[in-house]
């Protein structure tokens, strides 16, 4: 595992997160993989609750020069899988060989391990993230 993945669970638990294998209604509660491929979609309130998104750690571009508005990071490869929920800002992702996708507040985004793309921050970002 990537070191960031190893430390993720402790951050989640420290924020009050709890994984429930069966919530009594046949569903799981807590972080889970929702797609095996790059995927961007509007999150529903039920998904946010079921995934326990608000206990996930938070990441922001505000203190990271590499991720300043307008900077483009070309050929970024994801060393782990990540599910992100965008709280604020906008990000343009252009998958290798694909068309640009703009990610906005309220989007749930799956970045599979090994995913390669160019990233451009359009507006300062803040998101909750689940690493796997």
Protein backbone atom coordinates (compact mmCIF):
# COMPACT_ATOMS: atom_id res chain seq x y z
CA UNK A 1 0.00 0.00 0.00
CA UNK A 2 0.91 3.62 -0.54
CA UNK A 3 1.72 5.38 2.79
CA UNK A 4 -1.21 7.76 2.33
CA UNK A 5 -3.62 4.83 2.16
CA UNK A 6 -2.19 3.27 5.33
CA UNK A 7 -2.83 6.47 7.32
CA UNK A 8 -6.25 7.21 5.89
CA UNK A 9 -8.28 4.94 8.19
CA UNK A 10 -6.86 6.57 11.34
CA UNK A 11 -7.81 10.03 10.01
CA UNK A 12 -11.32 8.75 9.30
CA UNK A 13 -11.76 7.18 12.74
CA UNK A 14 -10.31 10.29 14.43
CA UNK A 15 -13.04 12.32 12.67
CA UNK A 16 -15.74 10.07 14.15
CA UNK A 17 -16.09 7.67 11.23
CA UNK A 18 -17.31 4.14 11.84
CA UNK A 19 -17.60 1.29 9.36
CA UNK A 20 -20.78 -0.74 9.82
CA UNK A 21 -20.74 -4.00 7.85
CA UNK A 22 -24.54 -4.29 7.93
CA UNK A 23 -26.72 -1.36 8.92
CA UNK A 24 -29.67 -3.67 9.53
CA UNK A 25 -31.33 -2.91 6.21
CA UNK A 26 -28.93 -4.92 4.05
CA UNK A 27 -26.72 -1.94 3.28
CA UNK A 28 -23.23 -1.08 4.41
CA UNK A 29 -22.40 2.23 6.02
CA UNK A 30 -19.03 3.86 5.66
CA UNK A 31 -16.50 4.29 2.89
CA UNK A 32 -16.71 1.93 -0.04
CA UNK A 33 -15.61 1.79 -3.68
CA UNK A 34 -18.47 2.98 -5.89
CA UNK A 35 -16.83 2.55 -9.31
CA UNK A 36 -13.90 0.62 -10.78
CA UNK A 37 -13.21 3.33 -13.40
CA UNK A 38 -12.87 7.13 -13.56
CA UNK A 39 -16.33 8.42 -12.79
CA UNK A 40 -17.82 11.85 -12.06
CA UNK A 41 -21.41 12.24 -10.90
CA UNK A 42 -23.58 14.35 -8.65
CA UNK A 43 -23.73 12.81 -5.19
CA UNK A 44 -27.14 12.18 -3.68
CA UNK A 45 -27.84 12.93 -0.04
CA UNK A 46 -28.37 9.19 0.55
CA UNK A 47 -24.94 8.38 -0.93
CA UNK A 48 -23.28 11.04 1.21
CA UNK A 49 -24.90 9.59 4.32
CA UNK A 50 -24.27 5.93 3.41
CA UNK A 51 -20.61 6.59 2.57
CA UNK A 52 -20.17 8.67 5.76
CA UNK A 53 -18.53 11.37 3.62
CA UNK A 54 -18.43 14.10 6.27
CA UNK A 55 -16.11 11.99 8.45
CA UNK A 56 -13.61 11.56 5.61
CA UNK A 57 -10.43 13.67 5.89
CA UNK A 58 -10.42 17.02 4.08
CA UNK A 59 -7.87 18.20 1.51
CA UNK A 60 -7.49 21.68 0.08
CA UNK A 61 -5.35 23.37 -2.56
CA UNK A 62 -5.16 26.62 -0.55
CA UNK A 63 -1.73 25.88 0.94
CA UNK A 64 -0.20 23.93 -1.96
CA UNK A 65 1.63 25.97 -4.60
CA UNK A 66 1.67 23.05 -7.07
CA UNK A 67 -2.14 23.14 -7.03
CA UNK A 68 -2.56 26.93 -7.41
CA UNK A 69 -5.41 28.14 -9.61
CA UNK A 70 -4.38 27.95 -13.26
CA UNK A 71 -1.48 25.54 -12.74
CA UNK A 72 -1.66 22.43 -14.90
CA UNK A 73 -0.24 19.13 -13.72
CA UNK A 74 0.34 16.95 -16.77
CA UNK A 75 0.46 13.15 -16.68
CA UNK A 76 -0.48 12.71 -13.00
CA UNK A 77 -0.77 9.01 -12.17
CA UNK A 78 -2.85 7.97 -9.16
CA UNK A 79 -0.71 5.69 -6.93
CA UNK A 80 -3.87 4.50 -5.11
CA UNK A 81 -7.62 4.51 -5.64
CA UNK A 82 -9.48 7.57 -4.40
CA UNK A 83 -13.10 8.57 -4.01
CA UNK A 84 -13.56 12.31 -3.53
CA UNK A 85 -16.51 14.56 -2.72
CA UNK A 86 -15.98 18.16 -3.82
CA UNK A 87 -17.04 20.69 -1.18
CA UNK A 88 -15.96 23.79 -3.11
CA UNK A 89 -14.08 24.90 -6.21
CA UNK A 90 -13.67 23.52 -9.70
CA UNK A 91 -11.15 21.17 -11.26
CA UNK A 92 -10.64 20.19 -14.89
CA UNK A 93 -9.46 16.62 -15.41
CA UNK A 94 -8.37 15.43 -18.86
CA UNK A 95 -7.86 11.66 -18.88
CA UNK A 96 -5.03 10.47 -21.14
CA UNK A 97 -6.58 10.18 -24.59
CA UNK A 98 -9.91 11.54 -23.33
CA UNK A 99 -11.95 14.71 -23.20
CA UNK A 100 -11.77 17.28 -20.37
CA UNK A 101 -14.26 16.88 -17.51
CA UNK A 102 -15.01 19.75 -15.11
CA UNK A 103 -15.59 18.63 -11.53
CA UNK A 104 -17.78 20.94 -9.42
CA UNK A 105 -19.09 21.31 -5.89
CA UNK A 106 -21.31 18.34 -5.02
CA UNK A 107 -19.61 15.90 -7.38
CA UNK A 108 -18.49 12.46 -6.28
CA UNK A 109 -15.37 11.43 -8.22
CA UNK A 110 -13.69 8.05 -8.51
CA UNK A 111 -10.00 7.98 -9.43
CA UNK A 112 -8.95 4.33 -9.87
CA UNK A 113 -5.40 3.30 -9.01
CA UNK A 114 -3.14 3.86 -12.04
CA UNK A 115 -5.47 6.49 -13.57
CA UNK A 116 -3.43 8.96 -15.63
CA UNK A 117 -4.66 12.45 -16.48
CA UNK A 118 -3.82 16.13 -16.64
CA UNK A 119 -5.27 18.27 -13.87
CA UNK A 120 -5.96 22.01 -13.85
CA UNK A 121 -7.39 23.79 -10.82
CA UNK A 122 -10.00 26.30 -12.06
CA UNK A 123 -11.06 27.48 -8.57
CA UNK A 124 -9.44 26.72 -5.21
CA UNK A 125 -10.52 23.22 -4.13
CA UNK A 126 -11.65 21.66 -0.90
CA UNK A 127 -12.82 18.05 -0.80
CA UNK A 128 -13.36 15.05 1.39
CA UNK A 129 -11.45 11.97 0.28
CA UNK A 130 -11.42 8.21 0.76
CA UNK A 131 -8.20 6.38 -0.21
CA UNK A 132 -8.13 2.67 -0.96
